[in-house]
Protein backbone atom coordinates (compact mmCIF):
# COMPACT_ATOMS: atom_id res chain seq x y z
CA UNK A 1 0.00 0.00 0.00
CA UNK A 2 1.28 3.46 -0.85
CA UNK A 3 0.09 6.15 1.54
CA UNK A 4 -0.09 9.75 0.30
CA UNK A 5 -0.41 12.74 2.59
CA UNK A 6 -1.32 16.14 1.22
CA UNK A 7 -3.48 14.72 -1.58
CA UNK A 8 -5.87 17.68 -1.37
CA UNK A 9 -3.03 19.95 -2.50
CA UNK A 10 -1.28 20.34 -5.81
CA UNK A 11 1.68 17.97 -5.44
CA UNK A 12 -0.09 15.27 -3.42
CA UNK A 13 -3.02 15.24 -5.85
CA UNK A 14 -0.64 14.77 -8.81
CA UNK A 15 1.08 11.90 -7.01
CA UNK A 16 -2.29 10.27 -6.21
CA UNK A 17 -3.35 10.52 -9.87
CA UNK A 18 -0.04 9.04 -11.01
CA UNK A 19 -0.49 6.13 -8.60
CA UNK A 20 -4.04 5.61 -9.86
CA UNK A 21 -2.77 5.41 -13.45
CA UNK A 22 -0.29 2.74 -12.35
CA UNK A 23 -3.04 0.82 -10.55
CA UNK A 24 -1.20 0.96 -7.22
CA UNK A 25 -3.02 0.27 -3.97
CA UNK A 26 -3.33 3.72 -2.42
CA UNK A 27 -4.49 5.25 0.84
CA UNK A 28 -4.99 9.02 1.00
CA UNK A 29 -4.52 10.64 4.40
CA UNK A 30 -6.48 13.86 4.56
CA UNK A 31 -7.66 16.39 7.14
CA UNK A 32 -10.90 16.97 5.22
CA UNK A 33 -12.32 13.89 3.46
CA UNK A 34 -14.67 16.13 1.46
CA UNK A 35 -11.66 17.64 -0.34
CA UNK A 36 -9.99 14.30 -1.17
CA UNK A 37 -9.50 13.67 -4.89
CA UNK A 38 -11.61 10.94 -6.41
CA UNK A 39 -9.07 8.22 -7.00
CA UNK A 40 -10.47 4.89 -8.15
CA UNK A 41 -9.88 2.22 -5.52
CA UNK A 42 -8.11 4.52 -3.07
CA UNK A 43 -8.85 4.33 0.63
CA UNK A 44 -9.54 7.68 2.29
CA UNK A 45 -8.51 8.10 5.91
CA UNK A 46 -8.82 11.08 8.21
CA UNK A 47 -5.44 12.04 9.69
CA UNK A 48 -3.88 15.27 10.91
CA UNK A 49 -0.21 15.85 11.75
CA UNK A 50 -1.34 17.73 14.86
CA UNK A 51 -2.95 14.64 16.36
CA UNK A 52 -0.23 12.47 17.89
CA UNK A 53 -1.89 9.11 17.16
CA UNK A 54 -3.32 9.94 13.73
CA UNK A 55 -0.34 9.04 11.56
CA UNK A 56 0.77 5.84 13.32
CA UNK A 57 -2.84 4.62 13.37
CA UNK A 58 -3.25 5.33 9.65
CA UNK A 59 -0.19 3.35 8.61
CA UNK A 60 0.07 -0.41 8.31
CA UNK A 61 3.10 -2.66 8.36
CA UNK A 62 4.89 -2.50 5.04
CA UNK A 63 3.18 0.73 3.90
CA UNK A 64 5.27 3.19 1.94
CA UNK A 65 4.58 6.89 2.45
CA UNK A 66 4.77 9.87 0.14
CA UNK A 67 4.63 12.72 2.64
CA UNK A 68 3.60 16.23 1.64
CA UNK A 69 2.61 18.72 4.29
CA UNK A 70 1.22 22.20 4.40
CA UNK A 71 3.59 25.12 4.60
CA UNK A 72 3.41 26.62 8.06
CA UNK A 73 7.01 27.45 8.78
CA UNK A 74 10.13 25.71 9.98
CA UNK A 75 9.94 24.69 13.64
CA UNK A 76 6.14 24.31 13.76
CA UNK A 77 6.18 22.08 10.69
CA UNK A 78 9.10 20.03 11.99
CA UNK A 79 7.37 19.57 15.35
CA UNK A 80 4.21 18.29 13.63
CA UNK A 81 6.25 15.81 11.59
CA UNK A 82 8.01 14.57 14.70
CA UNK A 83 4.72 14.05 16.53
CA UNK A 84 3.20 12.23 13.57
CA UNK A 85 6.14 9.96 12.82
CA UNK A 86 5.27 6.31 13.59
CA UNK A 87 8.84 5.27 14.37
CA UNK A 88 11.12 6.08 17.24
CA UNK A 89 11.03 9.86 17.54
CA UNK A 90 14.65 10.06 18.73
CA UNK A 91 15.72 9.12 15.18
CA UNK A 92 14.35 12.49 13.99
CA UNK A 93 16.43 14.61 16.38
C-alpha atoms as a PDB file:
ATOM      1  CA  UNK A   1       0.000   0.000   0.000  1.00  0.00           C
ATOM      2  CA  UNK A   2       1.277   3.465  -0.849  1.00  0.00           C
ATOM      3  CA  UNK A   3       0.092   6.149   1.536  1.00  0.00           C
ATOM      4  CA  UNK A   4      -0.093   9.749   0.305  1.00  0.00           C
ATOM      5  CA  UNK A   5      -0.411  12.741   2.593  1.00  0.00           C
ATOM      6  CA  UNK A   6      -1.319  16.136   1.215  1.00  0.00           C
ATOM      7  CA  UNK A   7      -3.483  14.725  -1.576  1.00  0.00           C
ATOM      8  CA  UNK A   8      -5.870  17.676  -1.372  1.00  0.00           C
ATOM      9  CA  UNK A   9      -3.034  19.954  -2.495  1.00  0.00           C
ATOM     10  CA  UNK A  10      -1.282  20.341  -5.810  1.00  0.00           C
ATOM     11  CA  UNK A  11       1.682  17.969  -5.442  1.00  0.00           C
ATOM     12  CA  UNK A  12      -0.091  15.271  -3.416  1.00  0.00           C
ATOM     13  CA  UNK A  13      -3.023  15.242  -5.854  1.00  0.00           C
ATOM     14  CA  UNK A  14      -0.645  14.770  -8.805  1.00  0.00           C
ATOM     15  CA  UNK A  15       1.076  11.900  -7.011  1.00  0.00           C
ATOM     16  CA  UNK A  16      -2.292  10.267  -6.209  1.00  0.00           C
ATOM     17  CA  UNK A  17      -3.353  10.522  -9.874  1.00  0.00           C
ATOM     18  CA  UNK A  18      -0.037   9.037 -11.006  1.00  0.00           C
ATOM     19  CA  UNK A  19      -0.486   6.125  -8.596  1.00  0.00           C
ATOM     20  CA  UNK A  20      -4.040   5.615  -9.861  1.00  0.00           C
ATOM     21  CA  UNK A  21      -2.767   5.409 -13.446  1.00  0.00           C
ATOM     22  CA  UNK A  22      -0.289   2.741 -12.352  1.00  0.00           C
ATOM     23  CA  UNK A  23      -3.038   0.818 -10.547  1.00  0.00           C
ATOM     24  CA  UNK A  24      -1.196   0.962  -7.221  1.00  0.00           C
ATOM     25  CA  UNK A  25      -3.020   0.271  -3.969  1.00  0.00           C
ATOM     26  CA  UNK A  26      -3.334   3.717  -2.417  1.00  0.00           C
ATOM     27  CA  UNK A  27      -4.487   5.252   0.844  1.00  0.00           C
ATOM     28  CA  UNK A  28      -4.986   9.019   1.002  1.00  0.00           C
ATOM     29  CA  UNK A  29      -4.524  10.636   4.401  1.00  0.00           C
ATOM     30  CA  UNK A  30      -6.480  13.865   4.558  1.00  0.00           C
ATOM     31  CA  UNK A  31      -7.655  16.388   7.143  1.00  0.00           C
ATOM     32  CA  UNK A  32     -10.900  16.973   5.222  1.00  0.00           C
ATOM     33  CA  UNK A  33     -12.324  13.892   3.456  1.00  0.00           C
ATOM     34  CA  UNK A  34     -14.666  16.135   1.458  1.00  0.00           C
ATOM     35  CA  UNK A  35     -11.659  17.637  -0.338  1.00  0.00           C
ATOM     36  CA  UNK A  36      -9.990  14.304  -1.169  1.00  0.00           C
ATOM     37  CA  UNK A  37      -9.496  13.670  -4.886  1.00  0.00           C
ATOM     38  CA  UNK A  38     -11.610  10.939  -6.410  1.00  0.00           C
ATOM     39  CA  UNK A  39      -9.066   8.220  -7.000  1.00  0.00           C
ATOM     40  CA  UNK A  40     -10.466   4.891  -8.155  1.00  0.00           C
ATOM     41  CA  UNK A  41      -9.875   2.225  -5.516  1.00  0.00           C
ATOM     42  CA  UNK A  42      -8.106   4.523  -3.066  1.00  0.00           C
ATOM     43  CA  UNK A  43      -8.845   4.329   0.633  1.00  0.00           C
ATOM     44  CA  UNK A  44      -9.542   7.681   2.285  1.00  0.00           C
ATOM     45  CA  UNK A  45      -8.506   8.099   5.908  1.00  0.00           C
ATOM     46  CA  UNK A  46      -8.817  11.082   8.211  1.00  0.00           C
ATOM     47  CA  UNK A  47      -5.442  12.044   9.695  1.00  0.00           C
ATOM     48  CA  UNK A  48      -3.875  15.272  10.911  1.00  0.00           C
ATOM     49  CA  UNK A  49      -0.207  15.849  11.752  1.00  0.00           C
ATOM     50  CA  UNK A  50      -1.342  17.733  14.858  1.00  0.00           C
ATOM     51  CA  UNK A  51      -2.953  14.638  16.359  1.00  0.00           C
ATOM     52  CA  UNK A  52      -0.229  12.475  17.886  1.00  0.00           C
ATOM     53  CA  UNK A  53      -1.887   9.105  17.159  1.00  0.00           C
ATOM     54  CA  UNK A  54      -3.321   9.937  13.725  1.00  0.00           C
ATOM     55  CA  UNK A  55      -0.341   9.043  11.562  1.00  0.00           C
ATOM     56  CA  UNK A  56       0.774   5.840  13.322  1.00  0.00           C
ATOM     57  CA  UNK A  57      -2.842   4.615  13.372  1.00  0.00           C
ATOM     58  CA  UNK A  58      -3.249   5.331   9.647  1.00  0.00           C
ATOM     59  CA  UNK A  59      -0.190   3.348   8.606  1.00  0.00           C
ATOM     60  CA  UNK A  60       0.074  -0.409   8.307  1.00  0.00           C
ATOM     61  CA  UNK A  61       3.101  -2.657   8.357  1.00  0.00           C
ATOM     62  CA  UNK A  62       4.891  -2.496   5.036  1.00  0.00           C
ATOM     63  CA  UNK A  63       3.182   0.726   3.895  1.00  0.00           C
ATOM     64  CA  UNK A  64       5.271   3.194   1.941  1.00  0.00           C
ATOM     65  CA  UNK A  65       4.585   6.886   2.453  1.00  0.00           C
ATOM     66  CA  UNK A  66       4.765   9.874   0.137  1.00  0.00           C
ATOM     67  CA  UNK A  67       4.628  12.724   2.641  1.00  0.00           C
ATOM     68  CA  UNK A  68       3.603  16.226   1.637  1.00  0.00           C
ATOM     69  CA  UNK A  69       2.609  18.720   4.285  1.00  0.00           C
ATOM     70  CA  UNK A  70       1.221  22.201   4.404  1.00  0.00           C
ATOM     71  CA  UNK A  71       3.593  25.117   4.596  1.00  0.00           C
ATOM     72  CA  UNK A  72       3.407  26.624   8.057  1.00  0.00           C
ATOM     73  CA  UNK A  73       7.009  27.452   8.784  1.00  0.00           C
ATOM     74  CA  UNK A  74      10.134  25.709   9.976  1.00  0.00           C
ATOM     75  CA  UNK A  75       9.941  24.694  13.637  1.00  0.00           C
ATOM     76  CA  UNK A  76       6.138  24.308  13.758  1.00  0.00           C
ATOM     77  CA  UNK A  77       6.180  22.082  10.693  1.00  0.00           C
ATOM     78  CA  UNK A  78       9.103  20.034  11.987  1.00  0.00           C
ATOM     79  CA  UNK A  79       7.366  19.571  15.349  1.00  0.00           C
ATOM     80  CA  UNK A  80       4.214  18.293  13.631  1.00  0.00           C
ATOM     81  CA  UNK A  81       6.254  15.812  11.589  1.00  0.00           C
ATOM     82  CA  UNK A  82       8.011  14.567  14.702  1.00  0.00           C
ATOM     83  CA  UNK A  83       4.716  14.053  16.532  1.00  0.00           C
ATOM     84  CA  UNK A  84       3.201  12.226  13.569  1.00  0.00           C
ATOM     85  CA  UNK A  85       6.145   9.957  12.822  1.00  0.00           C
ATOM     86  CA  UNK A  86       5.266   6.309  13.589  1.00  0.00           C
ATOM     87  CA  UNK A  87       8.842   5.269  14.365  1.00  0.00           C
ATOM     88  CA  UNK A  88      11.125   6.079  17.244  1.00  0.00           C
ATOM     89  CA  UNK A  89      11.031   9.864  17.537  1.00  0.00           C
ATOM     90  CA  UNK A  90      14.648  10.056  18.727  1.00  0.00           C
ATOM     91  CA  UNK A  91      15.720   9.124  15.176  1.00  0.00           C
ATOM     92  CA  UNK A  92      14.353  12.490  13.993  1.00  0.00           C
ATOM     93  CA  UNK A  93      16.433  14.606  16.385  1.00  0.00           C
END
